[in-house]
């Protein structure tokens, strides 16, 4: 058995797969640190495995990571049931140009980009762990049901049934008539400008009539503990949020539009510190839902990633 110190080529083989494994884990867990911990646990198992007996390292590691995530989802569900206010997935900015791939990778297809939207990740909380695993492996990574069945140790028919149920449950999060990224960004910039100016009519022009806003403060900072629904109520909430920021630090609130979870989002800093990220979902020319993350514990990774991105872009 090859269970001694890992050879350099074996370590390199794992590192080459780490971005993909982290991408699977993040989509399953919705939290970066949990995803990275699951992948690191897989690395330890890889280090202690009889590697000569592993015919397909990628398949072996995918199975290990998936099952580690299934175990973590079971305990996470209990924690999230007692969470204060809505639980939202951790927002993840795009990887810095030239930097290492982030937890969102890969983002090569429309399906892969959609699979990391906060809307879809939030709705996937309603799935059973097995349904979530099948959905992620099938939709985001294109695994055939034969291979998924082997990973989960179920029949191929069961894999198909789990996928069908998951698809039915998350159908409302599928994007319809979504604009291109440039149009999406312009819409978000209009939204941001109206909110910062306190322009109620301007906000109502970019919000869908039945728009819903969720806020995640985790009980650590002030945030709405119930979803806010309807164009007028969401517009008033956003204007109040902007005013509160200015009251906290007059003239020290900075806002930018950055790519987060595959779409343009609003990043808010107060006195230079990351305060919150607002991620909109868009259909046509309207914002249909808004995810507001202000829980400091869910912003640490984003803060580091955005700082690296700023450093890589250099002075403007």
C-alpha atoms as a PDB file:
ATOM      1  CA  UNK A   1       0.000   0.000   0.000  1.00  0.00           C
ATOM      2  CA  UNK A   2       1.240   3.497  -0.934  1.00  0.00           C
ATOM      3  CA  UNK A   3       0.349   5.199   2.328  1.00  0.00           C
ATOM      4  CA  UNK A   4       3.696   6.798   3.078  1.00  0.00           C
ATOM      5  CA  UNK A   5       4.651  10.427   2.459  1.00  0.00           C
ATOM      6  CA  UNK A   6       2.970  11.755  -0.655  1.00  0.00           C
ATOM      7  CA  UNK A   7       5.204  12.064  -3.692  1.00  0.00           C
ATOM      8  CA  UNK A   8       5.526  15.438  -5.386  1.00  0.00           C
ATOM      9  CA  UNK A   9       3.601  14.292  -8.466  1.00  0.00           C
ATOM     10  CA  UNK A  10       0.776  12.907  -6.308  1.00  0.00           C
ATOM     11  CA  UNK A  11       0.544  16.178  -4.371  1.00  0.00           C
ATOM     12  CA  UNK A  12       0.555  18.093  -7.660  1.00  0.00           C
ATOM     13  CA  UNK A  13      -2.201  15.828  -8.972  1.00  0.00           C
ATOM     14  CA  UNK A  14      -4.363  16.726  -5.990  1.00  0.00           C
ATOM     15  CA  UNK A  15      -3.617  20.458  -6.267  1.00  0.00           C
ATOM     16  CA  UNK A  16      -4.633  20.386  -9.925  1.00  0.00           C
ATOM     17  CA  UNK A  17      -8.023  19.034  -8.851  1.00  0.00           C
ATOM     18  CA  UNK A  18      -8.436  21.287  -5.805  1.00  0.00           C
ATOM     19  CA  UNK A  19     -10.329  24.120  -7.628  1.00  0.00           C
ATOM     20  CA  UNK A  20     -12.881  21.684  -9.046  1.00  0.00           C
ATOM     21  CA  UNK A  21     -13.298  19.911  -5.709  1.00  0.00           C
ATOM     22  CA  UNK A  22     -13.732  23.255  -3.925  1.00  0.00           C
ATOM     23  CA  UNK A  23     -16.276  24.269  -6.557  1.00  0.00           C
ATOM     24  CA  UNK A  24     -18.306  21.139  -5.816  1.00  0.00           C
ATOM     25  CA  UNK A  25     -18.048  21.659  -2.055  1.00  0.00           C
ATOM     26  CA  UNK A  26     -19.029  25.335  -2.164  1.00  0.00           C
ATOM     27  CA  UNK A  27     -22.096  24.618  -4.288  1.00  0.00           C
ATOM     28  CA  UNK A  28     -23.126  21.888  -1.872  1.00  0.00           C
ATOM     29  CA  UNK A  29     -22.451  23.770   1.368  1.00  0.00           C
ATOM     30  CA  UNK A  30     -22.854  27.462   0.485  1.00  0.00           C
ATOM     31  CA  UNK A  31     -19.955  28.391   2.783  1.00  0.00           C
ATOM     32  CA  UNK A  32     -16.350  28.927   1.739  1.00  0.00           C
ATOM     33  CA  UNK A  33     -14.584  27.835   4.925  1.00  0.00           C
ATOM     34  CA  UNK A  34     -16.723  24.715   5.196  1.00  0.00           C
ATOM     35  CA  UNK A  35     -15.967  23.919   1.550  1.00  0.00           C
ATOM     36  CA  UNK A  36     -12.220  24.411   2.015  1.00  0.00           C
ATOM     37  CA  UNK A  37     -12.260  22.286   5.169  1.00  0.00           C
ATOM     38  CA  UNK A  38     -14.034  19.467   3.325  1.00  0.00           C
ATOM     39  CA  UNK A  39     -11.454  19.560   0.533  1.00  0.00           C
ATOM     40  CA  UNK A  40      -8.602  19.584   3.050  1.00  0.00           C
ATOM     41  CA  UNK A  41     -10.117  16.550   4.764  1.00  0.00           C
ATOM     42  CA  UNK A  42     -10.179  14.874   1.347  1.00  0.00           C
ATOM     43  CA  UNK A  43      -6.502  15.711   0.945  1.00  0.00           C
ATOM     44  CA  UNK A  44      -5.734  13.968   4.249  1.00  0.00           C
ATOM     45  CA  UNK A  45      -7.650  10.902   3.109  1.00  0.00           C
ATOM     46  CA  UNK A  46      -5.812  10.973  -0.223  1.00  0.00           C
ATOM     47  CA  UNK A  47      -2.538  11.130   1.688  1.00  0.00           C
ATOM     48  CA  UNK A  48      -3.496   8.081   3.744  1.00  0.00           C
ATOM     49  CA  UNK A  49      -5.051   6.041   0.929  1.00  0.00           C
ATOM     50  CA  UNK A  50      -3.608   3.114  -0.953  1.00  0.00           C
ATOM     51  CA  UNK A  51      -3.064   5.305  -3.988  1.00  0.00           C
ATOM     52  CA  UNK A  52      -1.838   2.432  -6.145  1.00  0.00           C
ATOM     53  CA  UNK A  53      -5.321   0.945  -5.837  1.00  0.00           C
ATOM     54  CA  UNK A  54      -7.032   4.160  -6.971  1.00  0.00           C
ATOM     55  CA  UNK A  55      -7.649   3.743 -10.697  1.00  0.00           C
ATOM     56  CA  UNK A  56      -9.291   7.146 -11.252  1.00  0.00           C
ATOM     57  CA  UNK A  57      -8.072   9.772  -8.763  1.00  0.00           C
ATOM     58  CA  UNK A  58     -10.576  12.394  -9.961  1.00  0.00           C
ATOM     59  CA  UNK A  59     -13.547  10.059  -9.488  1.00  0.00           C
ATOM     60  CA  UNK A  60     -12.191   8.841  -6.131  1.00  0.00           C
ATOM     61  CA  UNK A  61     -11.689  12.373  -4.800  1.00  0.00           C
ATOM     62  CA  UNK A  62     -15.057  13.566  -6.110  1.00  0.00           C
ATOM     63  CA  UNK A  63     -16.720  10.734  -4.211  1.00  0.00           C
ATOM     64  CA  UNK A  64     -14.796  11.520  -1.026  1.00  0.00           C
ATOM     65  CA  UNK A  65     -15.548  15.260  -1.163  1.00  0.00           C
ATOM     66  CA  UNK A  66     -19.217  14.677  -1.966  1.00  0.00           C
ATOM     67  CA  UNK A  67     -19.670  12.331   0.960  1.00  0.00           C
ATOM     68  CA  UNK A  68     -17.799  14.657   3.313  1.00  0.00           C
ATOM     69  CA  UNK A  69     -20.182  17.419   2.231  1.00  0.00           C
ATOM     70  CA  UNK A  70     -23.209  15.183   2.787  1.00  0.00           C
ATOM     71  CA  UNK A  71     -22.057  14.627   6.376  1.00  0.00           C
ATOM     72  CA  UNK A  72     -21.514  18.363   6.886  1.00  0.00           C
ATOM     73  CA  UNK A  73     -24.925  19.215   5.443  1.00  0.00           C
ATOM     74  CA  UNK A  74     -26.630  17.058   8.034  1.00  0.00           C
ATOM     75  CA  UNK A  75     -25.065  18.986  10.925  1.00  0.00           C
ATOM     76  CA  UNK A  76     -25.387  22.336   9.118  1.00  0.00           C
ATOM     77  CA  UNK A  77     -29.135  21.904   8.773  1.00  0.00           C
ATOM     78  CA  UNK A  78     -29.569  21.844  12.556  1.00  0.00           C
ATOM     79  CA  UNK A  79     -27.452  25.000  12.956  1.00  0.00           C
ATOM     80  CA  UNK A  80     -29.332  26.857  10.238  1.00  0.00           C
ATOM     81  CA  UNK A  81     -32.721  26.047  11.789  1.00  0.00           C
ATOM     82  CA  UNK A  82     -31.761  28.165  14.826  1.00  0.00           C
ATOM     83  CA  UNK A  83     -30.141  30.923  12.746  1.00  0.00           C
ATOM     84  CA  UNK A  84     -31.343  34.455  13.508  1.00  0.00           C
ATOM     85  CA  UNK A  85     -33.161  35.788  10.449  1.00  0.00           C
ATOM     86  CA  UNK A  86     -32.786  34.411   6.911  1.00  0.00           C
ATOM     87  CA  UNK A  87     -29.712  32.247   6.281  1.00  0.00           C
ATOM     88  CA  UNK A  88     -28.048  33.200   3.008  1.00  0.00           C
ATOM     89  CA  UNK A  89     -25.088  31.552   1.291  1.00  0.00           C
ATOM     90  CA  UNK A  90     -21.707  33.225   1.576  1.00  0.00           C
ATOM     91  CA  UNK A  91     -21.126  35.706  -1.275  1.00  0.00           C
ATOM     92  CA  UNK A  92     -17.998  35.018  -3.328  1.00  0.00           C
ATOM     93  CA  UNK A  93     -16.386  37.580  -5.648  1.00  0.00           C
ATOM     94  CA  UNK A  94     -14.836  36.578  -8.946  1.00  0.00           C
ATOM     95  CA  UNK A  95     -11.251  35.367  -8.683  1.00  0.00           C
ATOM     96  CA  UNK A  96      -8.605  38.045  -9.123  1.00  0.00           C
ATOM     97  CA  UNK A  97      -7.153  38.147 -12.650  1.00  0.00           C
ATOM     98  CA  UNK A  98      -4.013  36.040 -12.720  1.00  0.00           C
ATOM     99  CA  UNK A  99      -4.710  34.752  -9.222  1.00  0.00           C
ATOM    100  CA  UNK A 100      -5.642  31.249  -8.080  1.00  0.00           C
ATOM    101  CA  UNK A 101      -9.116  29.960  -9.015  1.00  0.00           C
ATOM    102  CA  UNK A 102     -11.757  30.649  -6.395  1.00  0.00           C
ATOM    103  CA  UNK A 103     -14.614  28.534  -4.972  1.00  0.00           C
ATOM    104  CA  UNK A 104     -16.863  29.463  -7.889  1.00  0.00           C
ATOM    105  CA  UNK A 105     -14.793  27.627 -10.472  1.00  0.00           C
ATOM    106  CA  UNK A 106     -15.525  26.521 -13.064  1.00  0.00           C
ATOM    107  CA  UNK A 107     -17.690  29.237 -14.655  1.00  0.00           C
ATOM    108  CA  UNK A 108     -17.324  28.183 -18.266  1.00  0.00           C
ATOM    109  CA  UNK A 109     -20.981  27.559 -19.139  1.00  0.00           C
ATOM    110  CA  UNK A 110     -24.318  29.228 -18.413  1.00  0.00           C
ATOM    111  CA  UNK A 111     -25.301  26.260 -16.242  1.00  0.00           C
ATOM    112  CA  UNK A 112     -22.116  26.547 -14.190  1.00  0.00           C
ATOM    113  CA  UNK A 113     -22.635  30.281 -13.664  1.00  0.00           C
ATOM    114  CA  UNK A 114     -26.277  29.778 -12.717  1.00  0.00           C
ATOM    115  CA  UNK A 115     -25.291  27.051 -10.250  1.00  0.00           C
ATOM    116  CA  UNK A 116     -23.533  29.611  -8.012  1.00  0.00           C
ATOM    117  CA  UNK A 117     -26.257  32.258  -8.041  1.00  0.00           C
ATOM    118  CA  UNK A 118     -27.336  33.193  -4.517  1.00  0.00           C
ATOM    119  CA  UNK A 119     -30.943  32.675  -5.583  1.00  0.00           C
ATOM    120  CA  UNK A 120     -30.311  29.066  -6.551  1.00  0.00           C
ATOM    121  CA  UNK A 121     -27.978  28.309  -3.623  1.00  0.00           C
ATOM    122  CA  UNK A 122     -30.605  29.699  -1.242  1.00  0.00           C
ATOM    123  CA  UNK A 123     -33.380  27.641  -2.793  1.00  0.00           C
ATOM    124  CA  UNK A 124     -31.209  24.521  -2.648  1.00  0.00           C
ATOM    125  CA  UNK A 125     -31.535  24.719   1.145  1.00  0.00           C
ATOM    126  CA  UNK A 126     -34.966  23.127   0.628  1.00  0.00           C
ATOM    127  CA  UNK A 127     -33.396  20.019  -0.931  1.00  0.00           C
ATOM    128  CA  UNK A 128     -32.361  16.922   0.938  1.00  0.00           C
ATOM    129  CA  UNK A 129     -28.571  16.427   1.074  1.00  0.00           C
ATOM    130  CA  UNK A 130     -28.806  13.638  -1.519  1.00  0.00           C
ATOM    131  CA  UNK A 131     -30.946  15.766  -3.858  1.00  0.00           C
ATOM    132  CA  UNK A 132     -28.497  18.614  -3.524  1.00  0.00           C
ATOM    133  CA  UNK A 133     -25.524  16.379  -4.311  1.00  0.00           C
ATOM    134  CA  UNK A 134     -27.173  14.956  -7.436  1.00  0.00           C
ATOM    135  CA  UNK A 135     -28.268  18.406  -8.594  1.00  0.00           C
ATOM    136  CA  UNK A 136     -24.791  19.913  -8.180  1.00  0.00           C
ATOM    137  CA  UNK A 137     -22.955  17.040  -9.825  1.00  0.00           C
ATOM    138  CA  UNK A 138     -25.397  16.823 -12.724  1.00  0.00           C
ATOM    139  CA  UNK A 139     -26.245  20.478 -13.397  1.00  0.00           C
ATOM    140  CA  UNK A 140     -22.949  22.208 -12.634  1.00  0.00           C
ATOM    141  CA  UNK A 141     -20.425  19.533 -13.544  1.00  0.00           C
ATOM    142  CA  UNK A 142     -22.233  17.361 -16.076  1.00  0.00           C
ATOM    143  CA  UNK A 143     -21.620  14.021 -14.373  1.00  0.00           C
ATOM    144  CA  UNK A 144     -23.639  11.168 -15.932  1.00  0.00           C
ATOM    145  CA  UNK A 145     -26.150   9.462 -13.675  1.00  0.00           C
ATOM    146  CA  UNK A 146     -24.130   6.259 -13.848  1.00  0.00           C
ATOM    147  CA  UNK A 147     -21.188   8.002 -12.171  1.00  0.00           C
ATOM    148  CA  UNK A 148     -23.377   9.937  -9.724  1.00  0.00           C
ATOM    149  CA  UNK A 149     -24.991   6.664  -8.679  1.00  0.00           C
ATOM    150  CA  UNK A 150     -21.536   5.249  -7.942  1.00  0.00           C
ATOM    151  CA  UNK A 151     -20.545   8.347  -5.940  1.00  0.00           C
ATOM    152  CA  UNK A 152     -23.683   8.199  -3.781  1.00  0.00           C
ATOM    153  CA  UNK A 153     -23.883   4.393  -3.778  1.00  0.00           C
ATOM    154  CA  UNK A 154     -27.437   4.344  -5.099  1.00  0.00           C
ATOM    155  CA  UNK A 155     -28.985   2.909  -8.235  1.00  0.00           C
ATOM    156  CA  UNK A 156     -28.915   4.878 -11.489  1.00  0.00           C
ATOM    157  CA  UNK A 157     -32.717   5.013 -11.359  1.00  0.00           C
ATOM    158  CA  UNK A 158     -32.556   6.544  -7.873  1.00  0.00           C
ATOM    159  CA  UNK A 159     -30.064   9.129  -9.105  1.00  0.00           C
ATOM    160  CA  UNK A 160     -32.435  10.136 -11.892  1.00  0.00           C
ATOM    161  CA  UNK A 161     -35.352  10.341  -9.471  1.00  0.00           C
ATOM    162  CA  UNK A 162     -33.361  12.515  -7.031  1.00  0.00           C
ATOM    163  CA  UNK A 163     -32.375  14.807  -9.897  1.00  0.00           C
ATOM    164  CA  UNK A 164     -35.957  15.079 -11.125  1.00  0.00           C
ATOM    165  CA  UNK A 165     -37.231  16.014  -7.654  1.00  0.00           C
ATOM    166  CA  UNK A 166     -34.454  18.563  -7.185  1.00  0.00           C
ATOM    167  CA  UNK A 167     -35.168  20.158 -10.563  1.00  0.00           C
ATOM    168  CA  UNK A 168     -38.841  20.513  -9.676  1.00  0.00           C
ATOM    169  CA  UNK A 169     -38.067  22.179  -6.345  1.00  0.00           C
ATOM    170  CA  UNK A 170     -35.607  24.746  -7.690  1.00  0.00           C
ATOM    171  CA  UNK A 171     -37.399  25.511 -10.941  1.00  0.00           C
ATOM    172  CA  UNK A 172     -38.444  28.963  -9.675  1.00  0.00           C
ATOM    173  CA  UNK A 173     -34.778  30.010  -9.420  1.00  0.00           C
ATOM    174  CA  UNK A 174     -34.036  29.285 -13.074  1.00  0.00           C
ATOM    175  CA  UNK A 175     -33.302  32.510 -14.896  1.00  0.00           C
ATOM    176  CA  UNK A 176     -35.655  33.452 -17.676  1.00  0.00           C
ATOM    177  CA  UNK A 177     -34.964  36.287 -20.090  1.00  0.00           C
ATOM    178  CA  UNK A 178     -31.857  37.287 -18.128  1.00  0.00           C
ATOM    179  CA  UNK A 179     -30.003  40.187 -19.750  1.00  0.00           C
ATOM    180  CA  UNK A 180     -26.393  39.977 -20.846  1.00  0.00           C
ATOM    181  CA  UNK A 181     -23.730  40.851 -18.304  1.00  0.00           C
ATOM    182  CA  UNK A 182     -23.243  44.390 -19.684  1.00  0.00           C
ATOM    183  CA  UNK A 183     -26.983  45.131 -19.489  1.00  0.00           C
ATOM    184  CA  UNK A 184     -27.131  43.556 -16.037  1.00  0.00           C
ATOM    185  CA  UNK A 185     -24.282  45.774 -14.851  1.00  0.00           C
ATOM    186  CA  UNK A 186     -25.938  48.933 -16.215  1.00  0.00           C
ATOM    187  CA  UNK A 187     -29.165  48.005 -14.432  1.00  0.00           C
ATOM    188  CA  UNK A 188     -27.299  47.465 -11.148  1.00  0.00           C
ATOM    189  CA  UNK A 189     -25.513  50.809 -11.568  1.00  0.00           C
ATOM    190  CA  UNK A 190     -28.888  52.531 -12.078  1.00  0.00           C
ATOM    191  CA  UNK A 191     -30.192  50.738  -8.996  1.00  0.00           C
ATOM    192  CA  UNK A 192     -27.177  51.828  -6.934  1.00  0.00           C
ATOM    193  CA  UNK A 193     -27.376  55.439  -8.085  1.00  0.00           C
ATOM    194  CA  UNK A 194     -31.084  55.655  -7.214  1.00  0.00           C
ATOM    195  CA  UNK A 195     -30.578  54.088  -3.776  1.00  0.00           C
ATOM    196  CA  UNK A 196     -27.685  56.386  -2.859  1.00  0.00           C
ATOM    197  CA  UNK A 197     -29.614  59.474  -4.015  1.00  0.00           C
ATOM    198  CA  UNK A 198     -32.757  58.438  -2.179  1.00  0.00           C
ATOM    199  CA  UNK A 199     -34.590  58.447  -5.506  1.00  0.00           C
ATOM    200  CA  UNK A 200     -37.783  56.475  -4.814  1.00  0.00           C
ATOM    201  CA  UNK A 201     -39.159  56.716  -8.358  1.00  0.00           C
ATOM    202  CA  UNK A 202     -35.780  55.755  -9.811  1.00  0.00           C
ATOM    203  CA  UNK A 203     -35.690  52.629  -7.649  1.00  0.00           C
ATOM    204  CA  UNK A 204     -39.218  51.681  -8.555  1.00  0.00           C
ATOM    205  CA  UNK A 205     -38.260  51.833 -12.230  1.00  0.00           C
ATOM    206  CA  UNK A 206     -35.673  49.072 -11.811  1.00  0.00           C
ATOM    207  CA  UNK A 207     -37.493  46.884  -9.271  1.00  0.00           C
ATOM    208  CA  UNK A 208     -40.069  44.285 -10.273  1.00  0.00           C
ATOM    209  CA  UNK A 209     -43.506  44.755  -8.758  1.00  0.00           C
ATOM    210  CA  UNK A 210     -43.179  41.539  -6.733  1.00  0.00           C
ATOM    211  CA  UNK A 211     -39.466  41.953  -5.856  1.00  0.00           C
ATOM    212  CA  UNK A 212     -38.331  40.249  -2.631  1.00  0.00           C
ATOM    213  CA  UNK A 213     -35.370  41.245  -0.473  1.00  0.00           C
ATOM    214  CA  UNK A 214     -33.655  38.912   2.011  1.00  0.00           C
ATOM    215  CA  UNK A 215     -31.142  40.194   4.575  1.00  0.00           C
ATOM    216  CA  UNK A 216     -28.586  38.120   6.485  1.00  0.00           C
ATOM    217  CA  UNK A 217     -27.099  39.736   9.586  1.00  0.00           C
ATOM    218  CA  UNK A 218     -26.835  36.495  11.546  1.00  0.00           C
ATOM    219  CA  UNK A 219     -27.854  38.342  14.715  1.00  0.00           C
ATOM    220  CA  UNK A 220     -24.468  40.096  14.668  1.00  0.00           C
ATOM    221  CA  UNK A 221     -25.559  43.326  12.980  1.00  0.00           C
ATOM    222  CA  UNK A 222     -28.910  44.979  12.370  1.00  0.00           C
ATOM    223  CA  UNK A 223     -30.779  43.391   9.465  1.00  0.00           C
ATOM    224  CA  UNK A 224     -34.359  42.640   8.471  1.00  0.00           C
ATOM    225  CA  UNK A 225     -35.313  39.320  10.041  1.00  0.00           C
ATOM    226  CA  UNK A 226     -38.110  38.620   7.576  1.00  0.00           C
ATOM    227  CA  UNK A 227     -38.169  38.921   3.783  1.00  0.00           C
ATOM    228  CA  UNK A 228     -39.368  42.284   2.477  1.00  0.00           C
ATOM    229  CA  UNK A 229     -41.763  42.016  -0.450  1.00  0.00           C
ATOM    230  CA  UNK A 230     -43.121  44.479  -2.976  1.00  0.00           C
ATOM    231  CA  UNK A 231     -41.572  47.293  -4.993  1.00  0.00           C
ATOM    232  CA  UNK A 232     -42.472  50.187  -2.666  1.00  0.00           C
ATOM    233  CA  UNK A 233     -41.433  48.423   0.552  1.00  0.00           C
ATOM    234  CA  UNK A 234     -38.114  47.241  -0.881  1.00  0.00           C
ATOM    235  CA  UNK A 235     -37.392  50.711  -2.280  1.00  0.00           C
ATOM    236  CA  UNK A 236     -38.034  52.313   1.127  1.00  0.00           C
ATOM    237  CA  UNK A 237     -35.845  49.695   2.796  1.00  0.00           C
ATOM    238  CA  UNK A 238     -32.955  50.404   0.424  1.00  0.00           C
ATOM    239  CA  UNK A 239     -33.207  54.170   0.858  1.00  0.00           C
ATOM    240  CA  UNK A 240     -33.236  53.685   4.623  1.00  0.00           C
ATOM    241  CA  UNK A 241     -30.188  51.431   4.366  1.00  0.00           C
ATOM    242  CA  UNK A 242     -28.284  54.072   2.407  1.00  0.00           C
ATOM    243  CA  UNK A 243     -29.244  56.808   4.884  1.00  0.00           C
ATOM    244  CA  UNK A 244     -28.203  54.673   7.829  1.00  0.00           C
ATOM    245  CA  UNK A 245     -24.785  54.186   6.264  1.00  0.00           C
ATOM    246  CA  UNK A 246     -24.320  57.918   5.847  1.00  0.00           C
ATOM    247  CA  UNK A 247     -25.415  58.484   9.446  1.00  0.00           C
ATOM    248  CA  UNK A 248     -22.829  55.975  10.656  1.00  0.00           C
ATOM    249  CA  UNK A 249     -19.997  57.610   8.730  1.00  0.00           C
ATOM    250  CA  UNK A 250     -20.854  60.822   6.877  1.00  0.00           C
ATOM    251  CA  UNK A 251     -18.878  60.992   3.658  1.00  0.00           C
ATOM    252  CA  UNK A 252     -17.087  57.722   4.405  1.00  0.00           C
ATOM    253  CA  UNK A 253     -19.420  55.315   2.588  1.00  0.00           C
ATOM    254  CA  UNK A 254     -17.989  53.901  -0.656  1.00  0.00           C
ATOM    255  CA  UNK A 255     -19.933  51.738  -3.081  1.00  0.00           C
ATOM    256  CA  UNK A 256     -18.745  49.842  -6.136  1.00  0.00           C
ATOM    257  CA  UNK A 257     -20.198  47.309  -8.552  1.00  0.00           C
ATOM    258  CA  UNK A 258     -18.197  44.061  -8.577  1.00  0.00           C
ATOM    259  CA  UNK A 259     -18.804  40.566  -9.905  1.00  0.00           C
ATOM    260  CA  UNK A 260     -20.092  38.359  -7.095  1.00  0.00           C
ATOM    261  CA  UNK A 261     -21.380  34.811  -7.589  1.00  0.00           C
ATOM    262  CA  UNK A 262     -21.188  35.308 -11.324  1.00  0.00           C
ATOM    263  CA  UNK A 263     -23.227  38.547 -11.543  1.00  0.00           C
ATOM    264  CA  UNK A 264     -22.712  42.291 -10.960  1.00  0.00           C
ATOM    265  CA  UNK A 265     -23.382  43.163  -7.305  1.00  0.00           C
ATOM    266  CA  UNK A 266     -23.094  46.186  -5.023  1.00  0.00           C
ATOM    267  CA  UNK A 267     -20.190  46.201  -2.559  1.00  0.00           C
ATOM    268  CA  UNK A 268     -20.499  48.648   0.342  1.00  0.00           C
ATOM    269  CA  UNK A 269     -17.561  49.829   2.449  1.00  0.00           C
ATOM    270  CA  UNK A 270     -17.769  52.105   5.481  1.00  0.00           C
ATOM    271  CA  UNK A 271     -14.535  53.800   6.539  1.00  0.00           C
ATOM    272  CA  UNK A 272     -12.728  51.407   4.225  1.00  0.00           C
ATOM    273  CA  UNK A 273     -14.097  48.255   5.896  1.00  0.00           C
ATOM    274  CA  UNK A 274     -16.394  45.916   3.992  1.00  0.00           C
ATOM    275  CA  UNK A 275     -19.876  46.453   5.430  1.00  0.00           C
ATOM    276  CA  UNK A 276     -22.159  44.538   3.097  1.00  0.00           C
ATOM    277  CA  UNK A 277     -22.776  42.982  -0.314  1.00  0.00           C
ATOM    278  CA  UNK A 278     -26.066  43.329  -2.177  1.00  0.00           C
ATOM    279  CA  UNK A 279     -26.546  40.712  -4.886  1.00  0.00           C
ATOM    280  CA  UNK A 280     -29.529  41.275  -7.214  1.00  0.00           C
ATOM    281  CA  UNK A 281     -31.223  38.723  -9.429  1.00  0.00           C
ATOM    282  CA  UNK A 282     -32.525  40.125 -12.704  1.00  0.00           C
ATOM    283  CA  UNK A 283     -35.167  39.098 -15.202  1.00  0.00           C
ATOM    284  CA  UNK A 284     -35.458  41.215 -18.331  1.00  0.00           C
ATOM    285  CA  UNK A 285     -35.017  44.836 -17.278  1.00  0.00           C
ATOM    286  CA  UNK A 286     -36.097  44.474 -13.641  1.00  0.00           C
ATOM    287  CA  UNK A 287     -34.529  43.304 -10.386  1.00  0.00           C
ATOM    288  CA  UNK A 288     -36.702  40.447  -9.134  1.00  0.00           C
ATOM    289  CA  UNK A 289     -34.911  39.608  -5.891  1.00  0.00           C
ATOM    290  CA  UNK A 290     -32.163  41.034  -3.725  1.00  0.00           C
ATOM    291  CA  UNK A 291     -29.833  39.257  -1.320  1.00  0.00           C
ATOM    292  CA  UNK A 292     -28.252  41.527   1.310  1.00  0.00           C
ATOM    293  CA  UNK A 293     -25.383  39.984   3.281  1.00  0.00           C
ATOM    294  CA  UNK A 294     -24.086  42.048   6.210  1.00  0.00           C
ATOM    295  CA  UNK A 295     -23.100  39.246   8.596  1.00  0.00           C
ATOM    296  CA  UNK A 296     -19.383  39.985   9.201  1.00  0.00           C
ATOM    297  CA  UNK A 297     -18.606  36.278   9.414  1.00  0.00           C
ATOM    298  CA  UNK A 298     -19.798  35.822   5.841  1.00  0.00           C
ATOM    299  CA  UNK A 299     -17.812  38.757   4.471  1.00  0.00           C
ATOM    300  CA  UNK A 300     -14.276  37.825   5.527  1.00  0.00           C
ATOM    301  CA  UNK A 301     -13.474  35.742   2.441  1.00  0.00           C
ATOM    302  CA  UNK A 302     -15.073  38.317   0.131  1.00  0.00           C
ATOM    303  CA  UNK A 303     -13.035  41.088   1.773  1.00  0.00           C
ATOM    304  CA  UNK A 304      -9.775  39.224   1.143  1.00  0.00           C
ATOM    305  CA  UNK A 305     -10.761  38.322  -2.414  1.00  0.00           C
ATOM    306  CA  UNK A 306     -11.794  41.881  -3.290  1.00  0.00           C
ATOM    307  CA  UNK A 307      -8.561  43.217  -1.795  1.00  0.00           C
ATOM    308  CA  UNK A 308      -6.518  40.828  -3.970  1.00  0.00           C
ATOM    309  CA  UNK A 309      -8.539  41.839  -7.013  1.00  0.00           C
ATOM    310  CA  UNK A 310      -7.868  45.521  -6.287  1.00  0.00           C
ATOM    311  CA  UNK A 311      -4.160  44.867  -5.906  1.00  0.00           C
ATOM    312  CA  UNK A 312      -4.000  42.934  -9.170  1.00  0.00           C
ATOM    313  CA  UNK A 313      -5.771  45.672 -11.120  1.00  0.00           C
ATOM    314  CA  UNK A 314      -3.299  48.302  -9.911  1.00  0.00           C
ATOM    315  CA  UNK A 315      -3.922  52.030  -9.771  1.00  0.00           C
ATOM    316  CA  UNK A 316      -6.555  53.394 -12.121  1.00  0.00           C
END
